[in-house]
Every structure is written in C-alpha cells, then in structure tokens.
C-alpha cells in the first residue's frame, strides 16, 4: 500500500496578484520542425528594446505550433511577414496581433504541491464573466492574458477566490 500526502489549504494562498496593462500579444503560426533563423529573429528584434513581457509556445490542434509574444505597448517596429515568407521559413502566415491586452499574474507558496489551482483560477474568472485570451502556467506561477480593460475585474475575481496578502502583510 502506498501513502500519498497532498498539501491542501481551505483557501489557496498567493504572494499577491499583479497586473500589466497597455500591452499587445502577437501570435505566430509555425511549422513543427527545428527552430530556424526566422523565428529567432523575432526575439532578436524584440529583446534588445526591452519590450517583451511574456513569451510562450504551444502545439495547436491543426498540427502547427503557436508562438505568443506579449509586448509592452503596440509594436510598430518589426514585422516578419516579408522575410519569413521566403526560403522555407517555419512561419506559415503573417502574425496576428491582439491589442490592447493585459496580463495578470500570481504565484503562491504551495502552487507546486497541490492540484486544483488552475481550476480555481479559471472557475473564478468564468464565474465573473472575465474572458481569457491565453494562459501560461509553471509549477509556481500563472500568467493570464486578457482583453484590454479586464485586468481589474480579473484581479477582483481572483481575490475573491484566493487568499491575497494586503499591503500591510496580512491576508
């Protein structure tokens, strides 16, 4: 017989909930083959300017990959449409921009030790009618990309579902 211990708190604790506004998200549809210079050039164009807030990639239902870049402001300084369309690039079509978007993110002391955290977050947003564009989760962090103007409502919904410390250190 195996014994399994699971950490469980009645209300899931966080270290706080933060938000970023005035952002854009660019989504690039990619082929599923090794990274080439066209994809790397996206990061070379964005990273030196300090624009990048969040980057993540995932497989799509159609067998392609999706690269998502969340950037500060509205990026008018780069485009892959011309360079990526030639020479067998991984980029399948032009990027799609969502703007404005906002990001809300939070971490917690036991996010890696228990299940149900993403479900609690999604349920809280759904219950309050807050739409999601994208989500990136790690063992201890959740990043949610939302349509512009919805971060405050998302923060309120999440604050009702999670224990959030106040500015004086209490919960």
C-alpha atoms as a PDB file:
ATOM      1  CA  UNK A   1       0.000   0.000   0.000  1.00  0.00           C
ATOM      2  CA  UNK A   2       1.305   3.425  -0.948  1.00  0.00           C
ATOM      3  CA  UNK A   3       0.776   6.551   1.123  1.00  0.00           C
ATOM      4  CA  UNK A   4       0.446   9.884  -0.642  1.00  0.00           C
ATOM      5  CA  UNK A   5       0.406  13.249   1.083  1.00  0.00           C
ATOM      6  CA  UNK A   6      -1.178  16.271  -0.582  1.00  0.00           C
ATOM      7  CA  UNK A   7      -0.974  19.798   0.741  1.00  0.00           C
ATOM      8  CA  UNK A   8      -4.442  21.276   0.957  1.00  0.00           C
ATOM      9  CA  UNK A   9      -5.492  24.638   2.353  1.00  0.00           C
ATOM     10  CA  UNK A  10      -9.134  25.755   2.547  1.00  0.00           C
ATOM     11  CA  UNK A  11      -8.410  28.952   0.595  1.00  0.00           C
ATOM     12  CA  UNK A  12      -5.434  28.846  -1.764  1.00  0.00           C
ATOM     13  CA  UNK A  13      -2.763  31.340  -0.698  1.00  0.00           C
ATOM     14  CA  UNK A  14      -0.885  33.652  -3.043  1.00  0.00           C
ATOM     15  CA  UNK A  15       2.022  36.041  -2.635  1.00  0.00           C
ATOM     16  CA  UNK A  16      -0.142  38.668  -4.310  1.00  0.00           C
ATOM     17  CA  UNK A  17      -1.726  39.343  -7.685  1.00  0.00           C
ATOM     18  CA  UNK A  18      -0.055  41.716 -10.145  1.00  0.00           C
ATOM     19  CA  UNK A  19      -1.198  43.149 -13.453  1.00  0.00           C
ATOM     20  CA  UNK A  20       0.317  44.791 -16.507  1.00  0.00           C
ATOM     21  CA  UNK A  21      -1.749  46.937 -18.854  1.00  0.00           C
ATOM     22  CA  UNK A  22      -1.108  48.661 -22.179  1.00  0.00           C
ATOM     23  CA  UNK A  23       0.215  45.507 -23.830  1.00  0.00           C
ATOM     24  CA  UNK A  24      -0.103  43.704 -27.166  1.00  0.00           C
ATOM     25  CA  UNK A  25       0.071  39.999 -27.944  1.00  0.00           C
ATOM     26  CA  UNK A  26       1.395  38.783 -31.274  1.00  0.00           C
ATOM     27  CA  UNK A  27       0.734  35.177 -32.253  1.00  0.00           C
ATOM     28  CA  UNK A  28       2.846  33.465 -34.907  1.00  0.00           C
ATOM     29  CA  UNK A  29       1.667  30.185 -36.518  1.00  0.00           C
ATOM     30  CA  UNK A  30       4.715  27.930 -37.042  1.00  0.00           C
ATOM     31  CA  UNK A  31       5.531  24.624 -38.662  1.00  0.00           C
ATOM     32  CA  UNK A  32       6.619  21.776 -36.402  1.00  0.00           C
ATOM     33  CA  UNK A  33      10.270  21.499 -37.359  1.00  0.00           C
ATOM     34  CA  UNK A  34      13.505  22.678 -35.750  1.00  0.00           C
ATOM     35  CA  UNK A  35      13.870  26.384 -34.980  1.00  0.00           C
ATOM     36  CA  UNK A  36      15.428  28.411 -37.771  1.00  0.00           C
ATOM     37  CA  UNK A  37      16.653  31.982 -38.122  1.00  0.00           C
ATOM     38  CA  UNK A  38      13.232  33.439 -38.982  1.00  0.00           C
ATOM     39  CA  UNK A  39      11.796  32.561 -35.564  1.00  0.00           C
ATOM     40  CA  UNK A  40      14.955  33.550 -33.708  1.00  0.00           C
ATOM     41  CA  UNK A  41      14.878  36.922 -35.455  1.00  0.00           C
ATOM     42  CA  UNK A  42      11.613  37.694 -33.641  1.00  0.00           C
ATOM     43  CA  UNK A  43      13.447  37.526 -30.327  1.00  0.00           C
ATOM     44  CA  UNK A  44      16.423  39.450 -31.706  1.00  0.00           C
ATOM     45  CA  UNK A  45      14.124  42.282 -32.779  1.00  0.00           C
ATOM     46  CA  UNK A  46      12.133  42.421 -29.543  1.00  0.00           C
ATOM     47  CA  UNK A  47      14.592  41.576 -26.748  1.00  0.00           C
ATOM     48  CA  UNK A  48      17.083  44.468 -27.153  1.00  0.00           C
ATOM     49  CA  UNK A  49      14.262  47.002 -26.829  1.00  0.00           C
ATOM     50  CA  UNK A  50      13.019  45.561 -23.544  1.00  0.00           C
ATOM     51  CA  UNK A  51       9.507  45.199 -24.958  1.00  0.00           C
ATOM     52  CA  UNK A  52       8.920  41.528 -24.109  1.00  0.00           C
ATOM     53  CA  UNK A  53       6.720  40.815 -21.091  1.00  0.00           C
ATOM     54  CA  UNK A  54       5.923  37.136 -21.722  1.00  0.00           C
ATOM     55  CA  UNK A  55       6.732  34.519 -24.362  1.00  0.00           C
ATOM     56  CA  UNK A  56       5.306  31.018 -24.672  1.00  0.00           C
ATOM     57  CA  UNK A  57       4.685  28.404 -27.351  1.00  0.00           C
ATOM     58  CA  UNK A  58       2.238  25.515 -27.614  1.00  0.00           C
ATOM     59  CA  UNK A  59       1.078  22.907 -30.115  1.00  0.00           C
ATOM     60  CA  UNK A  60      -2.148  23.791 -31.905  1.00  0.00           C
ATOM     61  CA  UNK A  61      -4.948  21.426 -32.865  1.00  0.00           C
ATOM     62  CA  UNK A  62      -4.079  21.758 -36.566  1.00  0.00           C
ATOM     63  CA  UNK A  63      -0.629  20.220 -36.002  1.00  0.00           C
ATOM     64  CA  UNK A  64       1.180  23.544 -36.066  1.00  0.00           C
ATOM     65  CA  UNK A  65       2.851  25.447 -33.243  1.00  0.00           C
ATOM     66  CA  UNK A  66       1.821  28.842 -31.917  1.00  0.00           C
ATOM     67  CA  UNK A  67       4.424  31.292 -30.635  1.00  0.00           C
ATOM     68  CA  UNK A  68       2.890  34.018 -28.469  1.00  0.00           C
ATOM     69  CA  UNK A  69       4.772  37.193 -27.568  1.00  0.00           C
ATOM     70  CA  UNK A  70       3.254  39.666 -25.128  1.00  0.00           C
ATOM     71  CA  UNK A  71       4.894  43.050 -25.579  1.00  0.00           C
ATOM     72  CA  UNK A  72       4.757  46.409 -23.859  1.00  0.00           C
ATOM     73  CA  UNK A  73       2.798  48.879 -25.976  1.00  0.00           C
ATOM     74  CA  UNK A  74       1.890  48.406 -29.612  1.00  0.00           C
ATOM     75  CA  UNK A  75       4.930  47.182 -31.562  1.00  0.00           C
ATOM     76  CA  UNK A  76       5.270  49.135 -34.786  1.00  0.00           C
ATOM     77  CA  UNK A  77       8.988  48.448 -35.093  1.00  0.00           C
ATOM     78  CA  UNK A  78       9.095  44.942 -36.553  1.00  0.00           C
ATOM     79  CA  UNK A  79       7.353  42.516 -38.862  1.00  0.00           C
ATOM     80  CA  UNK A  80       8.164  39.037 -40.087  1.00  0.00           C
ATOM     81  CA  UNK A  81       5.707  38.960 -42.950  1.00  0.00           C
ATOM     82  CA  UNK A  82       8.220  39.789 -45.695  1.00  0.00           C
ATOM     83  CA  UNK A  83      11.310  37.925 -44.527  1.00  0.00           C
ATOM     84  CA  UNK A  84       9.567  34.829 -43.212  1.00  0.00           C
ATOM     85  CA  UNK A  85       7.527  34.099 -46.317  1.00  0.00           C
ATOM     86  CA  UNK A  86      10.579  33.081 -48.332  1.00  0.00           C
ATOM     87  CA  UNK A  87      13.207  30.341 -48.084  1.00  0.00           C
ATOM     88  CA  UNK A  88      11.029  27.675 -46.471  1.00  0.00           C
ATOM     89  CA  UNK A  89      10.567  29.546 -43.231  1.00  0.00           C
ATOM     90  CA  UNK A  90       8.810  27.989 -40.257  1.00  0.00           C
ATOM     91  CA  UNK A  91       6.329  30.872 -40.258  1.00  0.00           C
ATOM     92  CA  UNK A  92       3.180  29.702 -42.072  1.00  0.00           C
ATOM     93  CA  UNK A  93       1.372  33.012 -42.349  1.00  0.00           C
ATOM     94  CA  UNK A  94       1.572  36.513 -41.012  1.00  0.00           C
ATOM     95  CA  UNK A  95       1.400  37.156 -37.306  1.00  0.00           C
ATOM     96  CA  UNK A  96      -1.883  38.039 -35.664  1.00  0.00           C
ATOM     97  CA  UNK A  97      -1.943  40.918 -33.187  1.00  0.00           C
ATOM     98  CA  UNK A  98      -4.280  41.316 -30.227  1.00  0.00           C
ATOM     99  CA  UNK A  99      -4.188  44.833 -28.825  1.00  0.00           C
ATOM    100  CA  UNK A 100      -4.744  46.085 -26.267  1.00  0.00           C
ATOM    101  CA  UNK A 101      -4.287  43.191 -23.882  1.00  0.00           C
ATOM    102  CA  UNK A 102      -3.489  42.969 -20.199  1.00  0.00           C
ATOM    103  CA  UNK A 103      -1.649  40.354 -18.171  1.00  0.00           C
ATOM    104  CA  UNK A 104      -2.496  39.331 -14.644  1.00  0.00           C
ATOM    105  CA  UNK A 105      -0.078  37.040 -12.860  1.00  0.00           C
ATOM    106  CA  UNK A 106       0.358  35.491  -9.458  1.00  0.00           C
ATOM    107  CA  UNK A 107       2.386  32.949  -7.544  1.00  0.00           C
ATOM    108  CA  UNK A 108       1.722  31.043  -4.376  1.00  0.00           C
ATOM    109  CA  UNK A 109       3.631  29.216  -1.662  1.00  0.00           C
ATOM    110  CA  UNK A 110       2.094  25.809  -2.426  1.00  0.00           C
ATOM    111  CA  UNK A 111       1.328  26.008  -6.132  1.00  0.00           C
ATOM    112  CA  UNK A 112       3.744  23.157  -6.868  1.00  0.00           C
ATOM    113  CA  UNK A 113       2.453  20.987  -4.014  1.00  0.00           C
ATOM    114  CA  UNK A 114      -1.245  20.739  -4.729  1.00  0.00           C
ATOM    115  CA  UNK A 115      -3.680  20.291  -7.566  1.00  0.00           C
ATOM    116  CA  UNK A 116      -6.697  22.427  -8.455  1.00  0.00           C
ATOM    117  CA  UNK A 117      -5.042  25.845  -8.635  1.00  0.00           C
ATOM    118  CA  UNK A 118      -5.615  26.441 -12.346  1.00  0.00           C
ATOM    119  CA  UNK A 119      -9.160  25.129 -11.976  1.00  0.00           C
ATOM    120  CA  UNK A 120      -9.825  27.577  -9.121  1.00  0.00           C
ATOM    121  CA  UNK A 121      -8.438  30.475 -11.172  1.00  0.00           C
ATOM    122  CA  UNK A 122     -10.371  29.599 -14.334  1.00  0.00           C
ATOM    123  CA  UNK A 123     -13.533  28.989 -12.323  1.00  0.00           C
ATOM    124  CA  UNK A 124     -13.265  32.376 -10.595  1.00  0.00           C
ATOM    125  CA  UNK A 125     -12.847  34.205 -13.905  1.00  0.00           C
ATOM    126  CA  UNK A 126     -15.634  32.223 -15.554  1.00  0.00           C
ATOM    127  CA  UNK A 127     -17.976  32.881 -12.620  1.00  0.00           C
ATOM    128  CA  UNK A 128     -17.388  36.636 -13.014  1.00  0.00           C
ATOM    129  CA  UNK A 129     -17.578  36.584 -16.826  1.00  0.00           C
ATOM    130  CA  UNK A 130     -13.937  37.591 -17.379  1.00  0.00           C
ATOM    131  CA  UNK A 131     -12.682  36.325 -20.780  1.00  0.00           C
ATOM    132  CA  UNK A 132      -9.229  34.809 -21.317  1.00  0.00           C
ATOM    133  CA  UNK A 133      -7.095  35.014 -24.464  1.00  0.00           C
ATOM    134  CA  UNK A 134      -4.212  32.813 -23.296  1.00  0.00           C
ATOM    135  CA  UNK A 135      -2.736  31.269 -20.163  1.00  0.00           C
ATOM    136  CA  UNK A 136       0.806  30.170 -19.322  1.00  0.00           C
ATOM    137  CA  UNK A 137       1.398  28.175 -16.141  1.00  0.00           C
ATOM    138  CA  UNK A 138       4.532  26.880 -14.465  1.00  0.00           C
ATOM    139  CA  UNK A 139       4.939  24.951 -11.223  1.00  0.00           C
ATOM    140  CA  UNK A 140       4.528  28.070  -9.110  1.00  0.00           C
ATOM    141  CA  UNK A 141       3.134  30.792 -11.399  1.00  0.00           C
ATOM    142  CA  UNK A 142       0.085  31.579 -13.505  1.00  0.00           C
ATOM    143  CA  UNK A 143       0.109  34.225 -16.249  1.00  0.00           C
ATOM    144  CA  UNK A 144      -3.221  35.121 -17.844  1.00  0.00           C
ATOM    145  CA  UNK A 145      -3.543  37.229 -20.991  1.00  0.00           C
ATOM    146  CA  UNK A 146      -6.826  39.135 -21.023  1.00  0.00           C
ATOM    147  CA  UNK A 147      -8.549  41.562 -23.394  1.00  0.00           C
ATOM    148  CA  UNK A 148      -7.798  45.213 -22.634  1.00  0.00           C
ATOM    149  CA  UNK A 149      -9.826  46.692 -19.803  1.00  0.00           C
ATOM    150  CA  UNK A 150     -10.455  43.413 -17.950  1.00  0.00           C
ATOM    151  CA  UNK A 151      -7.466  43.078 -15.584  1.00  0.00           C
ATOM    152  CA  UNK A 152      -9.194  44.915 -12.730  1.00  0.00           C
ATOM    153  CA  UNK A 153     -12.240  42.610 -12.935  1.00  0.00           C
ATOM    154  CA  UNK A 154      -9.913  39.588 -13.121  1.00  0.00           C
ATOM    155  CA  UNK A 155      -7.998  40.757 -10.056  1.00  0.00           C
ATOM    156  CA  UNK A 156     -11.254  41.193  -8.116  1.00  0.00           C
ATOM    157  CA  UNK A 157     -12.495  37.751  -9.171  1.00  0.00           C
ATOM    158  CA  UNK A 158      -9.213  36.082  -8.229  1.00  0.00           C
ATOM    159  CA  UNK A 159      -9.005  37.994  -4.936  1.00  0.00           C
ATOM    160  CA  UNK A 160     -12.405  36.582  -4.001  1.00  0.00           C
ATOM    161  CA  UNK A 161     -11.239  33.020  -4.719  1.00  0.00           C
ATOM    162  CA  UNK A 162      -7.649  33.149  -3.382  1.00  0.00           C
ATOM    163  CA  UNK A 163      -6.054  34.444  -0.181  1.00  0.00           C
ATOM    164  CA  UNK A 164      -4.159  37.586  -1.182  1.00  0.00           C
ATOM    165  CA  UNK A 165      -1.930  39.407   1.323  1.00  0.00           C
ATOM    166  CA  UNK A 166      -2.785  43.040   1.925  1.00  0.00           C
ATOM    167  CA  UNK A 167      -0.172  45.768   1.694  1.00  0.00           C
ATOM    168  CA  UNK A 168       0.499  45.537   5.450  1.00  0.00           C
ATOM    169  CA  UNK A 169       1.472  41.868   5.257  1.00  0.00           C
ATOM    170  CA  UNK A 170      -1.840  40.387   6.428  1.00  0.00           C
ATOM    171  CA  UNK A 171      -4.260  38.260   4.437  1.00  0.00           C
END
